[in-house]
PDB file of N, CA and C in Angstrom:
ATOM      1  N   ALA A   1      29.668 -80.750 -83.979  1.00  0.00           N
ATOM      2  CA  ALA A   1      31.087 -80.725 -84.270  1.00  0.00           C
ATOM      3  C   ALA A   1      31.816 -81.607 -83.263  1.00  0.00           C
ATOM      4  N   VAL A   2      32.759 -82.370 -83.757  1.00  0.00           N
ATOM      5  CA  VAL A   2      33.540 -83.255 -82.910  1.00  0.00           C
ATOM      6  C   VAL A   2      34.821 -82.524 -82.532  1.00  0.00           C
ATOM      7  N   VAL A   3      35.159 -82.552 -81.262  1.00  0.00           N
ATOM      8  CA  VAL A   3      36.360 -81.886 -80.783  1.00  0.00           C
ATOM      9  C   VAL A   3      37.428 -82.927 -80.516  1.00  0.00           C
ATOM     10  N   SER A   4      38.583 -82.751 -81.125  1.00  0.00           N
ATOM     11  CA  SER A   4      39.689 -83.685 -80.919  1.00  0.00           C
ATOM     12  C   SER A   4      40.277 -83.492 -79.541  1.00  0.00           C
ATOM     13  N   THR A   5      40.486 -84.591 -78.836  1.00  0.00           N
ATOM     14  CA  THR A   5      41.092 -84.496 -77.512  1.00  0.00           C
ATOM     15  C   THR A   5      42.608 -84.583 -77.600  1.00  0.00           C
ATOM     16  N   GLN A   6      43.144 -84.863 -78.805  1.00  0.00           N
ATOM     17  CA  GLN A   6      44.584 -84.992 -78.978  1.00  0.00           C
ATOM     18  C   GLN A   6      45.268 -83.642 -79.179  1.00  0.00           C
ATOM     19  N   SER A   7      44.575 -82.689 -79.728  1.00  0.00           N
ATOM     20  CA  SER A   7      45.174 -81.400 -80.065  1.00  0.00           C
ATOM     21  C   SER A   7      44.838 -80.360 -79.006  1.00  0.00           C
ATOM     22  N   THR A   8      45.814 -79.529 -78.675  1.00  0.00           N
ATOM     23  CA  THR A   8      45.558 -78.474 -77.687  1.00  0.00           C
ATOM     24  C   THR A   8      44.924 -77.255 -78.333  1.00  0.00           C
ATOM     25  N   GLY A   9      44.989 -77.156 -79.657  1.00  0.00           N
ATOM     26  CA  GLY A   9      44.391 -76.017 -80.360  1.00  0.00           C
ATOM     27  C   GLY A   9      42.913 -75.879 -80.077  1.00  0.00           C
ATOM     28  N   PRO A  10      42.113 -76.936 -80.351  1.00  0.00           N
ATOM     29  CA  PRO A  10      40.679 -76.855 -80.049  1.00  0.00           C
ATOM     30  C   PRO A  10      40.405 -76.635 -78.562  1.00  0.00           C
ATOM     31  N   GLN A  11      41.225 -77.219 -77.700  1.00  0.00           N
ATOM     32  CA  GLN A  11      41.047 -77.044 -76.249  1.00  0.00           C
ATOM     33  C   GLN A  11      41.224 -75.572 -75.880  1.00  0.00           C
ATOM     34  N   LYS A  12      42.264 -74.951 -76.423  1.00  0.00           N
ATOM     35  CA  LYS A  12      42.494 -73.528 -76.135  1.00  0.00           C
ATOM     36  C   LYS A  12      41.347 -72.672 -76.659  1.00  0.00           C
ATOM     37  N   LEU A  13      40.840 -73.025 -77.829  1.00  0.00           N
ATOM     38  CA  LEU A  13      39.712 -72.290 -78.401  1.00  0.00           C
ATOM     39  C   LEU A  13      38.471 -72.453 -77.529  1.00  0.00           C
ATOM     40  N   LEU A  14      38.206 -73.678 -77.070  1.00  0.00           N
ATOM     41  CA  LEU A  14      37.069 -73.911 -76.183  1.00  0.00           C
ATOM     42  C   LEU A  14      37.197 -73.107 -74.893  1.00  0.00           C
ATOM     43  N   VAL A  15      38.403 -73.069 -74.332  1.00  0.00           N
ATOM     44  CA  VAL A  15      38.630 -72.301 -73.101  1.00  0.00           C
ATOM     45  C   VAL A  15      38.359 -70.825 -73.359  1.00  0.00           C
ATOM     46  N   LYS A  16      38.828 -70.321 -74.497  1.00  0.00           N
ATOM     47  CA  LYS A  16      38.614 -68.913 -74.840  1.00  0.00           C
ATOM     48  C   LYS A  16      37.119 -68.623 -74.960  1.00  0.00           C
ATOM     49  N   ILE A  17      36.395 -69.496 -75.646  1.00  0.00           N
ATOM     50  CA  ILE A  17      34.945 -69.316 -75.806  1.00  0.00           C
ATOM     51  C   ILE A  17      34.251 -69.409 -74.451  1.00  0.00           C
ATOM     52  N   ALA A  18      34.611 -70.417 -73.663  1.00  0.00           N
ATOM     53  CA  ALA A  18      33.972 -70.617 -72.358  1.00  0.00           C
ATOM     54  C   ALA A  18      34.236 -69.448 -71.414  1.00  0.00           C
ATOM     55  N   SER A  19      35.330 -68.737 -71.623  1.00  0.00           N
ATOM     56  CA  SER A  19      35.666 -67.587 -70.774  1.00  0.00           C
ATOM     57  C   SER A  19      34.619 -66.477 -70.880  1.00  0.00           C
ATOM     58  N   TYR A  20      33.868 -66.464 -71.974  1.00  0.00           N
ATOM     59  CA  TYR A  20      32.843 -65.431 -72.176  1.00  0.00           C
ATOM     60  C   TYR A  20      31.473 -65.849 -71.654  1.00  0.00           C
ATOM     61  N   LEU A  21      31.357 -67.086 -71.210  1.00  0.00           N
ATOM     62  CA  LEU A  21      30.071 -67.589 -70.741  1.00  0.00           C
ATOM     63  C   LEU A  21      29.816 -67.214 -69.283  1.00  0.00           C
ATOM     64  N   THR A  22      28.558 -67.251 -68.895  1.00  0.00           N
ATOM     65  CA  THR A  22      28.217 -67.070 -67.480  1.00  0.00           C
ATOM     66  C   THR A  22      28.598 -68.351 -66.742  1.00  0.00           C
ATOM     67  N   LEU A  23      28.660 -68.279 -65.431  1.00  0.00           N
ATOM     68  CA  LEU A  23      28.976 -69.472 -64.643  1.00  0.00           C
ATOM     69  C   LEU A  23      27.955 -70.586 -64.880  1.00  0.00           C
ATOM     70  N   GLU A  24      26.695 -70.212 -64.984  1.00  0.00           N
ATOM     71  CA  GLU A  24      25.647 -71.198 -65.233  1.00  0.00           C
ATOM     72  C   GLU A  24      25.877 -71.899 -66.567  1.00  0.00           C
ATOM     73  N   ASP A  25      26.292 -71.123 -67.584  1.00  0.00           N
ATOM     74  CA  ASP A  25      26.539 -71.711 -68.902  1.00  0.00           C
ATOM     75  C   ASP A  25      27.786 -72.596 -68.910  1.00  0.00           C
ATOM     76  N   VAL A  26      28.798 -72.229 -68.136  1.00  0.00           N
ATOM     77  CA  VAL A  26      29.999 -73.066 -68.032  1.00  0.00           C
ATOM     78  C   VAL A  26      29.623 -74.414 -67.415  1.00  0.00           C
ATOM     79  N   ILE A  27      28.794 -74.373 -66.384  1.00  0.00           N
ATOM     80  CA  ILE A  27      28.349 -75.614 -65.741  1.00  0.00           C
ATOM     81  C   ILE A  27      27.532 -76.449 -66.719  1.00  0.00           C
ATOM     82  N   ALA A  28      26.626 -75.812 -67.464  1.00  0.00           N
ATOM     83  CA  ALA A  28      25.828 -76.532 -68.461  1.00  0.00           C
ATOM     84  C   ALA A  28      26.729 -77.110 -69.551  1.00  0.00           C
ATOM     85  N   MET A  29      27.722 -76.348 -69.978  1.00  0.00           N
ATOM     86  CA  MET A  29      28.652 -76.807 -71.014  1.00  0.00           C
ATOM     87  C   MET A  29      29.399 -78.058 -70.550  1.00  0.00           C
ATOM     88  N   ALA A  30      29.756 -78.095 -69.283  1.00  0.00           N
ATOM     89  CA  ALA A  30      30.498 -79.230 -68.739  1.00  0.00           C
ATOM     90  C   ALA A  30      29.700 -80.529 -68.824  1.00  0.00           C
ATOM     91  N   HIS A  31      28.388 -80.419 -68.905  1.00  0.00           N
ATOM     92  CA  HIS A  31      27.527 -81.605 -68.962  1.00  0.00           C
ATOM     93  C   HIS A  31      27.252 -82.074 -70.391  1.00  0.00           C
ATOM     94  N   CYS A  32      27.797 -81.378 -71.396  1.00  0.00           N
ATOM     95  CA  CYS A  32      27.494 -81.715 -72.799  1.00  0.00           C
ATOM     96  C   CYS A  32      28.332 -82.863 -73.347  1.00  0.00           C
ATOM     97  N   SER A  33      29.608 -82.898 -73.000  1.00  0.00           N
ATOM     98  CA  SER A  33      30.487 -83.949 -73.525  1.00  0.00           C
ATOM     99  C   SER A  33      31.744 -84.038 -72.667  1.00  0.00           C
ATOM    100  N   LYS A  34      32.509 -85.098 -72.873  1.00  0.00           N
ATOM    101  CA  LYS A  34      33.759 -85.256 -72.128  1.00  0.00           C
ATOM    102  C   LYS A  34      34.744 -84.150 -72.489  1.00  0.00           C
ATOM    103  N   ALA A  35      34.808 -83.795 -73.760  1.00  0.00           N
ATOM    104  CA  ALA A  35      35.732 -82.740 -74.194  1.00  0.00           C
ATOM    105  C   ALA A  35      35.354 -81.403 -73.553  1.00  0.00           C
ATOM    106  N   PHE A  36      34.054 -81.109 -73.524  1.00  0.00           N
ATOM    107  CA  PHE A  36      33.610 -79.862 -72.892  1.00  0.00           C
ATOM    108  C   PHE A  36      33.870 -79.899 -71.386  1.00  0.00           C
ATOM    109  N   ARG A  37      33.677 -81.056 -70.792  1.00  0.00           N
ATOM    110  CA  ARG A  37      33.935 -81.184 -69.345  1.00  0.00           C
ATOM    111  C   ARG A  37      35.407 -80.908 -69.043  1.00  0.00           C
ATOM    112  N   ARG A  38      36.295 -81.506 -69.840  1.00  0.00           N
ATOM    113  CA  ARG A  38      37.737 -81.252 -69.644  1.00  0.00           C
ATOM    114  C   ARG A  38      38.032 -79.758 -69.776  1.00  0.00           C
ATOM    115  N   CYS A  39      37.421 -79.136 -70.763  1.00  0.00           N
ATOM    116  CA  CYS A  39      37.609 -77.695 -70.962  1.00  0.00           C
ATOM    117  C   CYS A  39      37.141 -76.918 -69.732  1.00  0.00           C
ATOM    118  N   CYS A  40      35.978 -77.294 -69.229  1.00  0.00           N
ATOM    119  CA  CYS A  40      35.379 -76.556 -68.110  1.00  0.00           C
ATOM    120  C   CYS A  40      36.106 -76.792 -66.790  1.00  0.00           C
ATOM    121  N   LEU A  41      37.000 -77.743 -66.746  1.00  0.00           N
ATOM    122  CA  LEU A  41      37.765 -78.006 -65.531  1.00  0.00           C
ATOM    123  C   LEU A  41      39.204 -77.495 -65.613  1.00  0.00           C
ATOM    124  N   THR A  42      39.573 -76.876 -66.734  1.00  0.00           N
ATOM    125  CA  THR A  42      40.959 -76.415 -66.889  1.00  0.00           C
ATOM    126  C   THR A  42      41.248 -75.216 -65.997  1.00  0.00           C
ATOM    127  N   ASP A  43      42.463 -75.180 -65.514  1.00  0.00           N
ATOM    128  CA  ASP A  43      42.894 -74.052 -64.681  1.00  0.00           C
ATOM    129  C   ASP A  43      42.879 -72.744 -65.459  1.00  0.00           C
ATOM    130  N   SER A  44      43.225 -72.792 -66.739  1.00  0.00           N
ATOM    131  CA  SER A  44      43.269 -71.553 -67.516  1.00  0.00           C
ATOM    132  C   SER A  44      41.878 -70.920 -67.618  1.00  0.00           C
ATOM    133  N   LEU A  45      40.833 -71.728 -67.768  1.00  0.00           N
ATOM    134  CA  LEU A  45      39.469 -71.184 -67.806  1.00  0.00           C
ATOM    135  C   LEU A  45      39.127 -70.532 -66.480  1.00  0.00           C
ATOM    136  N   TRP A  46      39.400 -71.220 -65.376  1.00  0.00           N
ATOM    137  CA  TRP A  46      39.024 -70.687 -64.064  1.00  0.00           C
ATOM    138  C   TRP A  46      39.874 -69.489 -63.671  1.00  0.00           C
ATOM    139  N   ARG A  47      41.104 -69.413 -64.178  1.00  0.00           N
ATOM    140  CA  ARG A  47      41.926 -68.212 -63.954  1.00  0.00           C
ATOM    141  C   ARG A  47      41.273 -67.026 -64.672  1.00  0.00           C
ATOM    142  N   ASN A  48      40.826 -67.248 -65.912  1.00  0.00           N
ATOM    143  CA  ASN A  48      40.140 -66.190 -66.667  1.00  0.00           C
ATOM    144  C   ASN A  48      38.863 -65.750 -65.961  1.00  0.00           C
ATOM    145  N   ILE A  49      38.089 -66.717 -65.478  1.00  0.00           N
ATOM    146  CA  ILE A  49      36.843 -66.395 -64.766  1.00  0.00           C
ATOM    147  C   ILE A  49      37.155 -65.625 -63.486  1.00  0.00           C
ATOM    148  N   PHE A  50      38.188 -66.059 -62.773  1.00  0.00           N
ATOM    149  CA  PHE A  50      38.578 -65.361 -61.547  1.00  0.00           C
ATOM    150  C   PHE A  50      38.925 -63.905 -61.868  1.00  0.00           C
ATOM    151  N   LEU A  51      39.710 -63.693 -62.925  1.00  0.00           N
ATOM    152  CA  LEU A  51      40.101 -62.331 -63.320  1.00  0.00           C
ATOM    153  C   LEU A  51      38.892 -61.472 -63.669  1.00  0.00           C
ATOM    154  N   GLN A  52      37.886 -62.061 -64.290  1.00  0.00           N
ATOM    155  CA  GLN A  52      36.682 -61.305 -64.646  1.00  0.00           C
ATOM    156  C   GLN A  52      35.954 -60.800 -63.400  1.00  0.00           C
ATOM    157  N   HIS A  53      36.037 -61.559 -62.322  1.00  0.00           N
ATOM    158  CA  HIS A  53      35.320 -61.194 -61.110  1.00  0.00           C
ATOM    159  C   HIS A  53      36.156 -60.402 -60.115  1.00  0.00           C
ATOM    160  N   HIS A  54      37.467 -60.536 -60.177  1.00  0.00           N
ATOM    161  CA  HIS A  54      38.317 -59.910 -59.163  1.00  0.00           C
ATOM    162  C   HIS A  54      39.300 -58.882 -59.709  1.00  0.00           C
ATOM    163  N   LYS A  55      39.554 -58.871 -60.989  1.00  0.00           N
ATOM    164  CA  LYS A  55      40.364 -57.874 -61.692  1.00  0.00           C
ATOM    165  C   LYS A  55      41.864 -57.893 -61.380  1.00  0.00           C
ATOM    166  N   MET A  56      42.279 -58.538 -60.300  1.00  0.00           N
ATOM    167  CA  MET A  56      43.699 -58.529 -59.946  1.00  0.00           C
ATOM    168  C   MET A  56      44.093 -59.863 -59.318  1.00  0.00           C
ATOM    169  N   ILE A  57      45.320 -60.288 -59.627  1.00  0.00           N
ATOM    170  CA  ILE A  57      45.834 -61.527 -59.047  1.00  0.00           C
ATOM    171  C   ILE A  57      47.205 -61.233 -58.449  1.00  0.00           C
ATOM    172  N   SER A  58      47.336 -61.433 -57.156  1.00  0.00           N
ATOM    173  CA  SER A  58      48.607 -61.195 -56.469  1.00  0.00           C
ATOM    174  C   SER A  58      49.510 -62.422 -56.629  1.00  0.00           C
ATOM    175  N   PRO A  59      50.819 -62.252 -56.411  1.00  0.00           N
ATOM    176  CA  PRO A  59      51.725 -63.413 -56.465  1.00  0.00           C
ATOM    177  C   PRO A  59      51.343 -64.502 -55.458  1.00  0.00           C
ATOM    178  N   GLU A  60      50.852 -64.086 -54.296  1.00  0.00           N
ATOM    179  CA  GLU A  60      50.435 -65.057 -53.287  1.00  0.00           C
ATOM    180  C   GLU A  60      49.247 -65.881 -53.777  1.00  0.00           C
ATOM    181  N   LEU A  61      48.343 -65.212 -54.475  1.00  0.00           N
ATOM    182  CA  LEU A  61      47.176 -65.896 -55.016  1.00  0.00           C
ATOM    183  C   LEU A  61      47.581 -66.859 -56.131  1.00  0.00           C
ATOM    184  N   GLU A  62      48.534 -66.452 -56.961  1.00  0.00           N
ATOM    185  CA  GLU A  62      49.075 -67.343 -58.006  1.00  0.00           C
ATOM    186  C   GLU A  62      49.643 -68.610 -57.368  1.00  0.00           C
ATOM    187  N   GLN A  63      50.390 -68.432 -56.273  1.00  0.00           N
ATOM    188  CA  GLN A  63      50.993 -69.565 -55.581  1.00  0.00           C
ATOM    189  C   GLN A  63      49.917 -70.486 -55.004  1.00  0.00           C
ATOM    190  N   LEU A  64      48.886 -69.889 -54.391  1.00  0.00           N
ATOM    191  CA  LEU A  64      47.781 -70.689 -53.849  1.00  0.00           C
ATOM    192  C   LEU A  64      47.099 -71.492 -54.952  1.00  0.00           C
ATOM    193  N   ALA A  65      46.877 -70.850 -56.088  1.00  0.00           N
ATOM    194  CA  ALA A  65      46.220 -71.526 -57.210  1.00  0.00           C
ATOM    195  C   ALA A  65      47.090 -72.662 -57.744  1.00  0.00           C
ATOM    196  N   ALA A  66      48.396 -72.465 -57.730  1.00  0.00           N
ATOM    197  CA  ALA A  66      49.303 -73.521 -58.179  1.00  0.00           C
ATOM    198  C   ALA A  66      49.230 -74.723 -57.229  1.00  0.00           C
ATOM    199  N   GLU A  67      49.034 -74.452 -55.959  1.00  0.00           N
ATOM    200  CA  GLU A  67      48.950 -75.525 -54.969  1.00  0.00           C
ATOM    201  C   GLU A  67      47.579 -76.210 -54.968  1.00  0.00           C
ATOM    202  N   HIS A  68      46.534 -75.473 -55.276  1.00  0.00           N
ATOM    203  CA  HIS A  68      45.170 -76.021 -55.226  1.00  0.00           C
ATOM    204  C   HIS A  68      44.629 -76.072 -56.655  1.00  0.00           C
ATOM    205  N   SER A  69      43.885 -75.093 -57.050  1.00  0.00           N
ATOM    206  CA  SER A  69      43.422 -74.920 -58.430  1.00  0.00           C
ATOM    207  C   SER A  69      42.672 -73.593 -58.488  1.00  0.00           C
ATOM    208  N   TRP A  70      42.610 -73.015 -59.684  1.00  0.00           N
ATOM    209  CA  TRP A  70      41.887 -71.752 -59.822  1.00  0.00           C
ATOM    210  C   TRP A  70      40.395 -71.946 -59.560  1.00  0.00           C
ATOM    211  N   ARG A  71      39.856 -73.094 -59.919  1.00  0.00           N
ATOM    212  CA  ARG A  71      38.439 -73.366 -59.670  1.00  0.00           C
ATOM    213  C   ARG A  71      38.165 -73.363 -58.168  1.00  0.00           C
ATOM    214  N   LYS A  72      39.016 -74.018 -57.421  1.00  0.00           N
ATOM    215  CA  LYS A  72      38.845 -74.068 -55.967  1.00  0.00           C
ATOM    216  C   LYS A  72      39.005 -72.660 -55.370  1.00  0.00           C
ATOM    217  N   ILE A  73      39.994 -71.919 -55.857  1.00  0.00           N
ATOM    218  CA  ILE A  73      40.202 -70.550 -55.375  1.00  0.00           C
ATOM    219  C   ILE A  73      38.983 -69.687 -55.679  1.00  0.00           C
ATOM    220  N   PHE A  74      38.418 -69.836 -56.885  1.00  0.00           N
ATOM    221  CA  PHE A  74      37.255 -69.038 -57.271  1.00  0.00           C
ATOM    222  C   PHE A  74      36.084 -69.274 -56.330  1.00  0.00           C
ATOM    223  N   PHE A  75      35.854 -70.520 -55.965  1.00  0.00           N
ATOM    224  CA  PHE A  75      34.695 -70.839 -55.132  1.00  0.00           C
ATOM    225  C   PHE A  75      34.954 -70.725 -53.633  1.00  0.00           C
ATOM    226  N   THR A  76      36.164 -70.383 -53.248  1.00  0.00           N
ATOM    227  CA  THR A  76      36.465 -70.167 -51.832  1.00  0.00           C
ATOM    228  C   THR A  76      35.875 -68.821 -51.410  1.00  0.00           C
ATOM    229  N   ASP A  77      35.191 -68.791 -50.276  1.00  0.00           N
ATOM    230  CA  ASP A  77      34.595 -67.531 -49.849  1.00  0.00           C
ATOM    231  C   ASP A  77      35.688 -66.500 -49.558  1.00  0.00           C
ATOM    232  N   LYS A  78      35.332 -65.238 -49.673  1.00  0.00           N
ATOM    233  CA  LYS A  78      36.315 -64.143 -49.603  1.00  0.00           C
ATOM    234  C   LYS A  78      37.081 -64.110 -48.290  1.00  0.00           C
ATOM    235  N   LEU A  79      36.410 -64.342 -47.185  1.00  0.00           N
ATOM    236  CA  LEU A  79      37.078 -64.294 -45.886  1.00  0.00           C
ATOM    237  C   LEU A  79      38.138 -65.394 -45.788  1.00  0.00           C
ATOM    238  N   ARG A  80      37.781 -66.596 -46.188  1.00  0.00           N
ATOM    239  CA  ARG A  80      38.750 -67.706 -46.166  1.00  0.00           C
ATOM    240  C   ARG A  80      39.890 -67.436 -47.135  1.00  0.00           C
ATOM    241  N   LEU A  81      39.570 -66.875 -48.284  1.00  0.00           N
ATOM    242  CA  LEU A  81      40.595 -66.571 -49.276  1.00  0.00           C
ATOM    243  C   LEU A  81      41.576 -65.523 -48.736  1.00  0.00           C
ATOM    244  N   GLN A  82      41.066 -64.505 -48.050  1.00  0.00           N
ATOM    245  CA  GLN A  82      41.949 -63.504 -47.442  1.00  0.00           C
ATOM    246  C   GLN A  82      42.870 -64.154 -46.420  1.00  0.00           C
ATOM    247  N   MET A  83      42.341 -65.079 -45.647  1.00  0.00           N
ATOM    248  CA  MET A  83      43.148 -65.788 -44.647  1.00  0.00           C
ATOM    249  C   MET A  83      44.240 -66.614 -45.345  1.00  0.00           C
ATOM    250  N   LEU A  84      43.879 -67.323 -46.413  1.00  0.00           N
ATOM    251  CA  LEU A  84      44.854 -68.137 -47.141  1.00  0.00           C
ATOM    252  C   LEU A  84      45.931 -67.278 -47.794  1.00  0.00           C
ATOM    253  N   VAL A  85      45.543 -66.139 -48.372  1.00  0.00           N
ATOM    254  CA  VAL A  85      46.518 -65.234 -48.990  1.00  0.00           C
ATOM    255  C   VAL A  85      47.457 -64.673 -47.931  1.00  0.00           C
ATOM    256  N   SER A  86      46.911 -64.304 -46.784  1.00  0.00           N
ATOM    257  CA  SER A  86      47.742 -63.791 -45.698  1.00  0.00           C
ATOM    258  C   SER A  86      48.744 -64.850 -45.241  1.00  0.00           C
ATOM    259  N   ARG A  87      48.284 -66.080 -45.101  1.00  0.00           N
ATOM    260  CA  ARG A  87      49.175 -67.172 -44.708  1.00  0.00           C
ATOM    261  C   ARG A  87      50.251 -67.402 -45.774  1.00  0.00           C
ATOM    262  N   GLN A  88      49.855 -67.326 -47.047  1.00  0.00           N
ATOM    263  CA  GLN A  88      50.801 -67.509 -48.144  1.00  0.00           C
ATOM    264  C   GLN A  88      51.855 -66.398 -48.138  1.00  0.00           C
ATOM    265  N   ARG A  89      51.421 -65.156 -47.872  1.00  0.00           N
ATOM    266  CA  ARG A  89      52.356 -64.024 -47.776  1.00  0.00           C
ATOM    267  C   ARG A  89      53.384 -64.273 -46.685  1.00  0.00           C
ATOM    268  N   SER A  90      52.915 -64.746 -45.536  1.00  0.00           N
ATOM    269  CA  SER A  90      53.811 -65.018 -44.412  1.00  0.00           C
ATOM    270  C   SER A  90      54.818 -66.100 -44.779  1.00  0.00           C
ATOM    271  N   GLN A  91      54.340 -67.162 -45.426  1.00  0.00           N
ATOM    272  CA  GLN A  91      55.241 -68.237 -45.824  1.00  0.00           C
ATOM    273  C   GLN A  91      56.267 -67.762 -46.845  1.00  0.00           C
ATOM    274  N   MET A  92      55.828 -66.935 -47.782  1.00  0.00           N
ATOM    275  CA  MET A  92      56.759 -66.412 -48.792  1.00  0.00           C
ATOM    276  C   MET A  92      57.785 -65.489 -48.140  1.00  0.00           C
ATOM    277  N   SER A  93      57.348 -64.698 -47.171  1.00  0.00           N
ATOM    278  CA  SER A  93      58.252 -63.800 -46.454  1.00  0.00           C
ATOM    279  C   SER A  93      59.275 -64.593 -45.648  1.00  0.00           C
ATOM    280  N   ILE A  94      58.817 -65.628 -44.971  1.00  0.00           N
ATOM    281  CA  ILE A  94      59.722 -66.484 -44.191  1.00  0.00           C
ATOM    282  C   ILE A  94      60.736 -67.142 -45.110  1.00  0.00           C
ATOM    283  N   LYS A  95      60.280 -67.617 -46.265  1.00  0.00           N
ATOM    284  CA  LYS A  95      61.189 -68.260 -47.221  1.00  0.00           C
ATOM    285  C   LYS A  95      62.236 -67.263 -47.714  1.00  0.00           C
ATOM    286  N   ARG A  96      61.807 -66.029 -48.035  1.00  0.00           N
ATOM    287  CA  ARG A  96      62.759 -65.004 -48.483  1.00  0.00           C
ATOM    288  C   ARG A  96      63.770 -64.703 -47.389  1.00  0.00           C
ATOM    289  N   ASN A  97      63.300 -64.601 -46.141  1.00  0.00           N
ATOM    290  CA  ASN A  97      64.203 -64.332 -45.019  1.00  0.00           C
ATOM    291  C   ASN A  97      65.183 -65.483 -44.821  1.00  0.00           C
ATOM    292  N   ASN A  98      64.691 -66.719 -44.915  1.00  0.00           N
ATOM    293  CA  ASN A  98      65.569 -67.880 -44.778  1.00  0.00           C
ATOM    294  C   ASN A  98      66.603 -67.919 -45.892  1.00  0.00           C
ATOM    295  N   ASP A  99      66.166 -67.643 -47.117  1.00  0.00           N
ATOM    296  CA  ASP A  99      67.093 -67.615 -48.251  1.00  0.00           C
ATOM    297  C   ASP A  99      68.148 -66.535 -48.043  1.00  0.00           C
ATOM    298  N   SER A 100      67.730 -65.397 -47.518  1.00  0.00           N
ATOM    299  CA  SER A 100      68.649 -64.292 -47.258  1.00  0.00           C
ATOM    300  C   SER A 100      69.663 -64.680 -46.175  1.00  0.00           C
ATOM    301  N   GLU A 101      69.188 -65.345 -45.124  1.00  0.00           N
ATOM    302  CA  GLU A 101      70.074 -65.781 -44.045  1.00  0.00           C
ATOM    303  C   GLU A 101      71.082 -66.808 -44.547  1.00  0.00           C
ATOM    304  N   ILE A 102      70.622 -67.730 -45.379  1.00  0.00           N
ATOM    305  CA  ILE A 102      71.525 -68.743 -45.949  1.00  0.00           C
ATOM    306  C   ILE A 102      72.586 -68.066 -46.795  1.00  0.00           C
ATOM    307  N   GLU A 103      72.175 -67.082 -47.584  1.00  0.00           N
ATOM    308  CA  GLU A 103      73.124 -66.355 -48.428  1.00  0.00           C
ATOM    309  C   GLU A 103      74.146 -65.603 -47.567  1.00  0.00           C
ATOM    310  N   LYS A 104      73.693 -64.947 -46.497  1.00  0.00           N
ATOM    311  CA  LYS A 104      74.603 -64.218 -45.605  1.00  0.00           C
ATOM    312  C   LYS A 104      75.596 -65.177 -44.947  1.00  0.00           C
ATOM    313  N   THR A 105      75.089 -66.322 -44.493  1.00  0.00           N
ATOM    314  CA  THR A 105      75.949 -67.324 -43.861  1.00  0.00           C
ATOM    315  C   THR A 105      76.991 -67.821 -44.838  1.00  0.00           C
ATOM    316  N   SER A 106      76.574 -68.057 -46.068  1.00  0.00           N
ATOM    317  CA  SER A 106      77.494 -68.526 -47.102  1.00  0.00           C
ATOM    318  C   SER A 106      78.573 -67.490 -47.387  1.00  0.00           C
ATOM    319  N   ILE A 107      78.172 -66.227 -47.465  1.00  0.00           N
ATOM    320  CA  ILE A 107      79.139 -65.142 -47.709  1.00  0.00           C
ATOM    321  C   ILE A 107      80.116 -65.027 -46.544  1.00  0.00           C
ATOM    322  N   ASN A 108      79.602 -65.080 -45.308  1.00  0.00           N
ATOM    323  CA  ASN A 108      80.460 -64.994 -44.128  1.00  0.00           C
ATOM    324  C   ASN A 108      81.439 -66.161 -44.072  1.00  0.00           C
ATOM    325  N   SER A 109      80.976 -67.369 -44.416  1.00  0.00           N
ATOM    326  CA  SER A 109      81.848 -68.541 -44.424  1.00  0.00           C
ATOM    327  C   SER A 109      82.948 -68.396 -45.467  1.00  0.00           C
ATOM    328  N   THR A 110      82.588 -67.879 -46.623  1.00  0.00           N
ATOM    329  CA  THR A 110      83.564 -67.673 -47.696  1.00  0.00           C
ATOM    330  C   THR A 110      84.587 -66.631 -47.279  1.00  0.00           C
ATOM    331  N   GLN A 111      84.111 -65.536 -46.679  1.00  0.00           N
ATOM    332  CA  GLN A 111      85.026 -64.485 -46.235  1.00  0.00           C
ATOM    333  C   GLN A 111      85.957 -65.008 -45.148  1.00  0.00           C
ATOM    334  N   ALA A 112      85.432 -65.820 -44.224  1.00  0.00           N
ATOM    335  CA  ALA A 112      86.251 -66.385 -43.164  1.00  0.00           C
ATOM    336  C   ALA A 112      87.310 -67.317 -43.740  1.00  0.00           C
ATOM    337  N   ALA A 113      86.932 -68.104 -44.751  1.00  0.00           N
ATOM    338  CA  ALA A 113      87.869 -69.025 -45.381  1.00  0.00           C
ATOM    339  C   ALA A 113      88.976 -68.260 -46.112  1.00  0.00           C
ATOM    340  N   ILE A 114      88.615 -67.162 -46.736  1.00  0.00           N
ATOM    341  CA  ILE A 114      89.592 -66.352 -47.463  1.00  0.00           C
ATOM    342  C   ILE A 114      90.559 -65.697 -46.474  1.00  0.00           C
ATOM    343  N   THR A 115      90.027 -65.190 -45.369  1.00  0.00           N
ATOM    344  CA  THR A 115      90.848 -64.536 -44.348  1.00  0.00           C
ATOM    345  C   THR A 115      91.779 -65.521 -43.679  1.00  0.00           C
ATOM    346  N   ALA A 116      91.358 -66.758 -43.506  1.00  0.00           N
ATOM    347  CA  ALA A 116      92.153 -67.754 -42.801  1.00  0.00           C
ATOM    348  C   ALA A 116      93.285 -68.325 -43.660  1.00  0.00           C
ATOM    349  N   GLU A 117      93.222 -68.122 -44.952  1.00  0.00           N
ATOM    350  CA  GLU A 117      94.283 -68.667 -45.830  1.00  0.00           C
ATOM    351  C   GLU A 117      95.600 -67.944 -45.564  1.00  0.00           C
ATOM    352  N   PRO A 118      96.730 -68.726 -45.573  1.00  0.00           N
ATOM    353  CA  PRO A 118      98.044 -68.112 -45.300  1.00  0.00           C
ATOM    354  C   PRO A 118      98.547 -67.256 -46.435  1.00  0.00           C
TER     355      PRO A 118
END
């Protein structure tokens, strides 16, 4: 069967089918054709595979995968992955705190401007 590379329908179907394969079979599938290789390298496939092995995905892990790839995250050893998730949590916390501080500063500036008006 020939798989069209123009349509996302067959690609999604291939990803769904590949999600049920063992890792060894996914690797073998990637060597069959260019279309299968593209399928086997998609983030959606590796996200599904990750979920099968880990059962849960935290927001920090989603962010890491967006920055790297689900395939890379899947093959990262657990200790390194815990370190990366912890670092991502810290960065997200710092960003939330900074956003909160900016919002407070903006509110204080607005209140000061309102109070200063004659």
